[in-house]
Amino acid sequence: MTTKSDRENRTNLALTLARLCPTIPTHEIAADVETLGRLGARVRLHEERMCSYADYYERYKTDDDKPDPIIDRAEKRAKLIASKYGMTVDVGGDCRGYAFHLRRDGLHGNTWGGDQTGFGLN
């Protein structure tokens, strides 16, 4: 579920990227931020289900040496989008926090960790 806070974070990210990347059209930035937000929401939902439901966990668990395919696909797509803006993406890995942490010069953190943890996005 996308909350009001998630929408505000997406809006703030889009506005900041429009300022930092003036050569990229604003409609393209908005579409990319919305895609990042949807990917983050999918990752967060998957992580919540992995923590909360034993049958879901049993169905989707992977070996320790293999990445989770759902998270891996979302992370690859998010990194592809973020690279267009010179950002890096880290997956949070904990359902209680943000799914993605984005980092770039000029992009200030919106979490308790501030700029060290990056801009959190679900």
N, C-alpha and C. Protein backbone atom coordinates (compact mmCIF):
# COMPACT_ATOMS: atom_id res chain seq x y z
N MET A 1 0.84 -1.18 0.00
CA MET A 1 0.00 0.00 0.00
C MET A 1 0.89 1.24 0.00
N THR A 2 0.56 2.16 -0.85
CA THR A 2 1.30 3.41 -0.92
C THR A 2 0.67 4.41 0.04
N THR A 3 1.47 4.91 0.96
CA THR A 3 0.97 5.84 1.96
C THR A 3 1.18 7.28 1.52
N LYS A 4 0.62 8.20 2.27
CA LYS A 4 0.80 9.62 2.01
C LYS A 4 2.29 9.98 2.11
N SER A 5 2.97 9.41 3.07
CA SER A 5 4.40 9.65 3.25
C SER A 5 5.20 9.15 2.04
N ASP A 6 4.82 7.99 1.50
CA ASP A 6 5.48 7.48 0.30
C ASP A 6 5.30 8.43 -0.88
N ARG A 7 4.09 8.95 -1.04
CA ARG A 7 3.82 9.92 -2.11
C ARG A 7 4.65 11.19 -1.93
N GLU A 8 4.74 11.67 -0.70
CA GLU A 8 5.53 12.87 -0.43
C GLU A 8 7.01 12.63 -0.75
N ASN A 9 7.52 11.46 -0.39
CA ASN A 9 8.91 11.13 -0.69
C ASN A 9 9.15 11.07 -2.19
N ARG A 10 8.22 10.48 -2.92
CA ARG A 10 8.37 10.40 -4.38
C ARG A 10 8.34 11.79 -5.00
N THR A 11 7.45 12.64 -4.51
CA THR A 11 7.37 14.01 -5.02
C THR A 11 8.65 14.77 -4.73
N ASN A 12 9.15 14.66 -3.51
CA ASN A 12 10.40 15.34 -3.15
C ASN A 12 11.57 14.84 -3.99
N LEU A 13 11.61 13.54 -4.23
CA LEU A 13 12.69 12.99 -5.06
C LEU A 13 12.59 13.51 -6.49
N ALA A 14 11.39 13.54 -7.05
CA ALA A 14 11.21 14.04 -8.41
C ALA A 14 11.61 15.50 -8.52
N LEU A 15 11.23 16.31 -7.54
CA LEU A 15 11.59 17.73 -7.57
C LEU A 15 13.10 17.92 -7.45
N THR A 16 13.72 17.15 -6.59
CA THR A 16 15.18 17.26 -6.42
C THR A 16 15.90 16.82 -7.68
N LEU A 17 15.46 15.72 -8.29
CA LEU A 17 16.11 15.25 -9.52
C LEU A 17 15.90 16.23 -10.67
N ALA A 18 14.74 16.89 -10.71
CA ALA A 18 14.50 17.90 -11.75
C ALA A 18 15.49 19.06 -11.59
N ARG A 19 15.81 19.39 -10.35
CA ARG A 19 16.78 20.46 -10.10
C ARG A 19 18.20 20.00 -10.42
N LEU A 20 18.53 18.76 -10.07
CA LEU A 20 19.89 18.25 -10.26
C LEU A 20 20.17 17.82 -11.70
N CYS A 21 19.15 17.48 -12.45
CA CYS A 21 19.31 16.99 -13.82
C CYS A 21 18.42 17.79 -14.77
N PRO A 22 18.77 19.05 -15.02
CA PRO A 22 17.88 19.91 -15.81
C PRO A 22 17.73 19.49 -17.27
N THR A 23 18.64 18.64 -17.79
CA THR A 23 18.54 18.23 -19.19
C THR A 23 17.53 17.11 -19.41
N ILE A 24 17.11 16.44 -18.36
CA ILE A 24 16.14 15.36 -18.48
C ILE A 24 14.73 15.94 -18.32
N PRO A 25 13.82 15.66 -19.26
CA PRO A 25 12.46 16.21 -19.17
C PRO A 25 11.76 15.79 -17.87
N THR A 26 10.98 16.71 -17.33
CA THR A 26 10.33 16.46 -16.04
C THR A 26 9.33 15.30 -16.10
N HIS A 27 8.65 15.11 -17.23
CA HIS A 27 7.72 13.98 -17.32
C HIS A 27 8.45 12.65 -17.27
N GLU A 28 9.68 12.61 -17.79
CA GLU A 28 10.50 11.39 -17.74
C GLU A 28 10.97 11.13 -16.31
N ILE A 29 11.35 12.20 -15.61
CA ILE A 29 11.76 12.07 -14.21
C ILE A 29 10.59 11.55 -13.37
N ALA A 30 9.41 12.13 -13.57
CA ALA A 30 8.23 11.70 -12.81
C ALA A 30 7.91 10.22 -13.06
N ALA A 31 8.00 9.79 -14.31
CA ALA A 31 7.72 8.39 -14.65
C ALA A 31 8.76 7.46 -14.01
N ASP A 32 10.03 7.87 -14.05
CA ASP A 32 11.09 7.05 -13.46
C ASP A 32 10.95 6.96 -11.94
N VAL A 33 10.62 8.07 -11.30
CA VAL A 33 10.44 8.05 -9.84
C VAL A 33 9.24 7.18 -9.47
N GLU A 34 8.17 7.26 -10.25
CA GLU A 34 7.01 6.42 -9.98
C GLU A 34 7.36 4.93 -10.14
N THR A 35 8.15 4.61 -11.15
CA THR A 35 8.60 3.23 -11.34
C THR A 35 9.46 2.77 -10.18
N LEU A 36 10.39 3.62 -9.74
CA LEU A 36 11.22 3.29 -8.58
C LEU A 36 10.35 3.06 -7.35
N GLY A 37 9.35 3.90 -7.18
CA GLY A 37 8.45 3.75 -6.04
C GLY A 37 7.66 2.45 -6.09
N ARG A 38 7.17 2.08 -7.27
CA ARG A 38 6.44 0.82 -7.41
C ARG A 38 7.35 -0.38 -7.15
N LEU A 39 8.58 -0.31 -7.66
CA LEU A 39 9.54 -1.39 -7.41
C LEU A 39 9.85 -1.50 -5.92
N GLY A 40 10.04 -0.36 -5.27
CA GLY A 40 10.30 -0.35 -3.84
C GLY A 40 9.14 -0.91 -3.04
N ALA A 41 7.91 -0.56 -3.45
CA ALA A 41 6.73 -1.07 -2.75
C ALA A 41 6.63 -2.59 -2.92
N ARG A 42 6.97 -3.08 -4.11
CA ARG A 42 6.95 -4.52 -4.34
C ARG A 42 7.98 -5.24 -3.46
N VAL A 43 9.18 -4.66 -3.36
CA VAL A 43 10.22 -5.25 -2.52
C VAL A 43 9.80 -5.23 -1.05
N ARG A 44 9.25 -4.10 -0.60
CA ARG A 44 8.82 -4.01 0.79
C ARG A 44 7.72 -5.02 1.11
N LEU A 45 6.76 -5.16 0.22
CA LEU A 45 5.68 -6.13 0.42
C LEU A 45 6.24 -7.55 0.49
N HIS A 46 7.17 -7.87 -0.40
CA HIS A 46 7.79 -9.20 -0.39
C HIS A 46 8.53 -9.44 0.93
N GLU A 47 9.27 -8.44 1.39
CA GLU A 47 9.99 -8.57 2.66
C GLU A 47 9.03 -8.72 3.84
N GLU A 48 7.94 -7.98 3.83
CA GLU A 48 6.94 -8.11 4.90
C GLU A 48 6.35 -9.51 4.92
N ARG A 49 6.03 -10.03 3.76
CA ARG A 49 5.45 -11.38 3.69
C ARG A 49 6.47 -12.44 4.09
N MET A 50 7.74 -12.24 3.73
CA MET A 50 8.78 -13.20 4.11
C MET A 50 8.93 -13.24 5.64
N CYS A 51 8.74 -12.11 6.29
CA CYS A 51 8.87 -12.04 7.75
C CYS A 51 7.61 -12.52 8.48
N SER A 52 6.46 -12.43 7.84
CA SER A 52 5.20 -12.63 8.55
C SER A 52 4.50 -13.96 8.29
N TYR A 53 4.72 -14.56 7.15
CA TYR A 53 3.94 -15.74 6.78
C TYR A 53 4.85 -16.92 6.48
N ALA A 54 4.71 -17.97 7.26
CA ALA A 54 5.58 -19.15 7.12
C ALA A 54 5.40 -19.82 5.76
N ASP A 55 4.17 -19.94 5.27
CA ASP A 55 3.97 -20.60 3.98
C ASP A 55 4.56 -19.79 2.83
N TYR A 56 4.47 -18.47 2.92
CA TYR A 56 5.08 -17.60 1.90
C TYR A 56 6.60 -17.76 1.95
N TYR A 57 7.14 -17.76 3.17
CA TYR A 57 8.58 -17.92 3.34
C TYR A 57 9.05 -19.25 2.75
N GLU A 58 8.34 -20.32 3.03
CA GLU A 58 8.73 -21.64 2.52
C GLU A 58 8.67 -21.68 0.99
N ARG A 59 7.71 -20.97 0.42
CA ARG A 59 7.56 -20.96 -1.04
C ARG A 59 8.67 -20.17 -1.73
N TYR A 60 9.12 -19.08 -1.12
CA TYR A 60 10.05 -18.17 -1.80
C TYR A 60 11.47 -18.16 -1.23
N LYS A 61 11.75 -18.94 -0.20
CA LYS A 61 13.10 -18.91 0.36
C LYS A 61 14.10 -19.46 -0.65
N THR A 62 15.34 -18.97 -0.56
CA THR A 62 16.41 -19.41 -1.45
C THR A 62 17.59 -19.86 -0.59
N ASP A 63 18.50 -20.55 -1.23
CA ASP A 63 19.73 -20.92 -0.54
C ASP A 63 20.49 -19.66 -0.16
N ASP A 64 21.35 -19.78 0.85
CA ASP A 64 22.11 -18.61 1.31
C ASP A 64 23.01 -18.02 0.23
N ASP A 65 23.50 -18.84 -0.67
CA ASP A 65 24.41 -18.34 -1.70
C ASP A 65 23.69 -17.80 -2.94
N LYS A 66 22.37 -17.97 -3.01
CA LYS A 66 21.60 -17.46 -4.14
C LYS A 66 20.84 -16.21 -3.74
N PRO A 67 20.80 -15.21 -4.63
CA PRO A 67 19.98 -14.03 -4.31
C PRO A 67 18.50 -14.34 -4.47
N ASP A 68 17.69 -13.59 -3.75
CA ASP A 68 16.24 -13.72 -3.86
C ASP A 68 15.83 -13.20 -5.24
N PRO A 69 15.18 -14.01 -6.08
CA PRO A 69 14.89 -13.57 -7.45
C PRO A 69 13.95 -12.36 -7.54
N ILE A 70 13.01 -12.25 -6.63
CA ILE A 70 12.09 -11.11 -6.67
C ILE A 70 12.84 -9.82 -6.37
N ILE A 71 13.64 -9.84 -5.32
CA ILE A 71 14.42 -8.65 -4.95
C ILE A 71 15.49 -8.37 -5.99
N ASP A 72 16.11 -9.41 -6.51
CA ASP A 72 17.18 -9.26 -7.50
C ASP A 72 16.67 -8.58 -8.77
N ARG A 73 15.50 -9.00 -9.26
CA ARG A 73 14.93 -8.37 -10.47
C ARG A 73 14.61 -6.90 -10.23
N ALA A 74 13.99 -6.62 -9.08
CA ALA A 74 13.63 -5.23 -8.77
C ALA A 74 14.89 -4.37 -8.61
N GLU A 75 15.91 -4.93 -7.96
CA GLU A 75 17.16 -4.18 -7.75
C GLU A 75 17.84 -3.87 -9.08
N LYS A 76 17.89 -4.84 -9.98
CA LYS A 76 18.52 -4.60 -11.29
C LYS A 76 17.80 -3.52 -12.06
N ARG A 77 16.46 -3.55 -12.05
CA ARG A 77 15.70 -2.53 -12.77
C ARG A 77 15.87 -1.16 -12.12
N ALA A 78 15.87 -1.12 -10.78
CA ALA A 78 16.06 0.15 -10.07
C ALA A 78 17.44 0.73 -10.35
N LYS A 79 18.46 -0.12 -10.39
CA LYS A 79 19.82 0.37 -10.68
C LYS A 79 19.92 0.91 -12.11
N LEU A 80 19.22 0.28 -13.03
CA LEU A 80 19.23 0.76 -14.41
C LEU A 80 18.62 2.16 -14.49
N ILE A 81 17.50 2.36 -13.81
CA ILE A 81 16.86 3.68 -13.81
C ILE A 81 17.73 4.70 -13.07
N ALA A 82 18.24 4.33 -11.90
CA ALA A 82 19.02 5.26 -11.08
C ALA A 82 20.31 5.69 -11.76
N SER A 83 20.90 4.80 -12.56
CA SER A 83 22.16 5.14 -13.22
C SER A 83 21.99 6.31 -14.19
N LYS A 84 20.79 6.48 -14.72
CA LYS A 84 20.50 7.59 -15.62
C LYS A 84 20.68 8.94 -14.91
N TYR A 85 20.50 8.93 -13.58
CA TYR A 85 20.59 10.15 -12.79
C TYR A 85 21.86 10.21 -11.96
N GLY A 86 22.77 9.28 -12.17
CA GLY A 86 24.02 9.25 -11.42
C GLY A 86 23.84 8.80 -9.98
N MET A 87 22.79 8.03 -9.71
CA MET A 87 22.51 7.56 -8.36
C MET A 87 22.93 6.10 -8.21
N THR A 88 23.20 5.72 -6.98
CA THR A 88 23.40 4.32 -6.65
C THR A 88 22.21 3.87 -5.82
N VAL A 89 21.93 2.56 -5.85
CA VAL A 89 20.79 2.00 -5.14
C VAL A 89 21.26 0.88 -4.23
N ASP A 90 20.81 0.92 -2.98
CA ASP A 90 21.02 -0.18 -2.05
C ASP A 90 19.65 -0.67 -1.62
N VAL A 91 19.50 -1.99 -1.54
CA VAL A 91 18.25 -2.56 -1.06
C VAL A 91 18.32 -2.63 0.45
N GLY A 92 17.26 -2.13 1.12
CA GLY A 92 17.24 -2.08 2.58
C GLY A 92 17.33 -3.44 3.23
N GLY A 93 16.56 -4.41 2.75
CA GLY A 93 16.61 -5.75 3.29
C GLY A 93 15.85 -5.96 4.59
N ASP A 94 15.17 -4.93 5.07
CA ASP A 94 14.40 -5.05 6.31
C ASP A 94 13.03 -4.44 6.05
N CYS A 95 11.99 -5.20 6.33
CA CYS A 95 10.63 -4.74 6.01
C CYS A 95 10.19 -3.56 6.85
N ARG A 96 10.93 -3.23 7.91
CA ARG A 96 10.53 -2.10 8.76
C ARG A 96 11.05 -0.76 8.26
N GLY A 97 11.95 -0.78 7.31
CA GLY A 97 12.52 0.46 6.80
C GLY A 97 12.20 0.66 5.33
N TYR A 98 12.93 1.55 4.70
CA TYR A 98 12.74 1.80 3.28
C TYR A 98 13.30 0.64 2.47
N ALA A 99 12.65 0.35 1.35
CA ALA A 99 13.11 -0.74 0.49
C ALA A 99 14.39 -0.35 -0.25
N PHE A 100 14.44 0.88 -0.75
CA PHE A 100 15.60 1.37 -1.50
C PHE A 100 16.21 2.56 -0.78
N HIS A 101 17.53 2.63 -0.82
CA HIS A 101 18.26 3.81 -0.37
C HIS A 101 19.05 4.32 -1.56
N LEU A 102 18.74 5.53 -1.99
CA LEU A 102 19.36 6.15 -3.16
C LEU A 102 20.40 7.15 -2.71
N ARG A 103 21.55 7.14 -3.40
CA ARG A 103 22.62 8.08 -3.06
C ARG A 103 23.10 8.80 -4.32
N ARG A 104 23.36 10.08 -4.14
CA ARG A 104 23.91 10.92 -5.21
C ARG A 104 24.34 12.23 -4.58
N ASP A 105 25.36 12.83 -5.15
CA ASP A 105 25.75 14.15 -4.68
C ASP A 105 24.59 15.12 -4.89
N GLY A 106 24.27 15.88 -3.87
CA GLY A 106 23.17 16.84 -3.94
C GLY A 106 21.82 16.28 -3.52
N LEU A 107 21.76 14.97 -3.31
CA LEU A 107 20.51 14.34 -2.88
C LEU A 107 20.63 14.06 -1.39
N HIS A 108 19.89 14.82 -0.59
CA HIS A 108 19.99 14.72 0.86
C HIS A 108 19.11 13.60 1.40
N GLY A 109 19.59 12.95 2.44
CA GLY A 109 18.86 11.84 3.05
C GLY A 109 17.59 12.29 3.73
N ASN A 110 16.60 11.42 3.73
CA ASN A 110 15.32 11.71 4.39
C ASN A 110 15.07 10.73 5.53
N THR A 111 16.12 10.09 6.02
CA THR A 111 15.98 9.10 7.09
C THR A 111 16.71 9.58 8.33
N TRP A 112 16.59 8.81 9.42
CA TRP A 112 17.29 9.18 10.65
C TRP A 112 18.80 9.18 10.44
N GLY A 113 19.28 8.37 9.53
CA GLY A 113 20.71 8.31 9.25
C GLY A 113 21.22 9.47 8.40
N GLY A 114 20.31 10.28 7.90
CA GLY A 114 20.68 11.44 7.11
C GLY A 114 21.34 11.04 5.79
N ASP A 115 22.33 11.83 5.38
CA ASP A 115 22.97 11.60 4.10
C ASP A 115 23.77 10.31 4.05
N GLN A 116 24.15 9.77 5.21
CA GLN A 116 24.93 8.53 5.22
C GLN A 116 24.11 7.35 4.69
N THR A 117 22.83 7.30 5.01
CA THR A 117 22.01 6.18 4.57
C THR A 117 21.33 6.46 3.23
N GLY A 118 21.33 7.69 2.79
CA GLY A 118 20.73 8.02 1.51
C GLY A 118 19.26 8.39 1.61
N PHE A 119 18.66 8.56 0.45
CA PHE A 119 17.25 8.94 0.35
C PHE A 119 16.43 7.66 0.33
N GLY A 120 15.59 7.46 1.33
CA GLY A 120 14.77 6.25 1.41
C GLY A 120 13.54 6.35 0.55
N LEU A 121 13.23 5.24 -0.14
CA LEU A 121 12.08 5.23 -1.04
C LEU A 121 11.39 3.88 -0.98
N ASN A 122 10.07 3.91 -0.85
CA ASN A 122 9.23 2.70 -0.94
C ASN A 122 8.35 2.83 -2.14
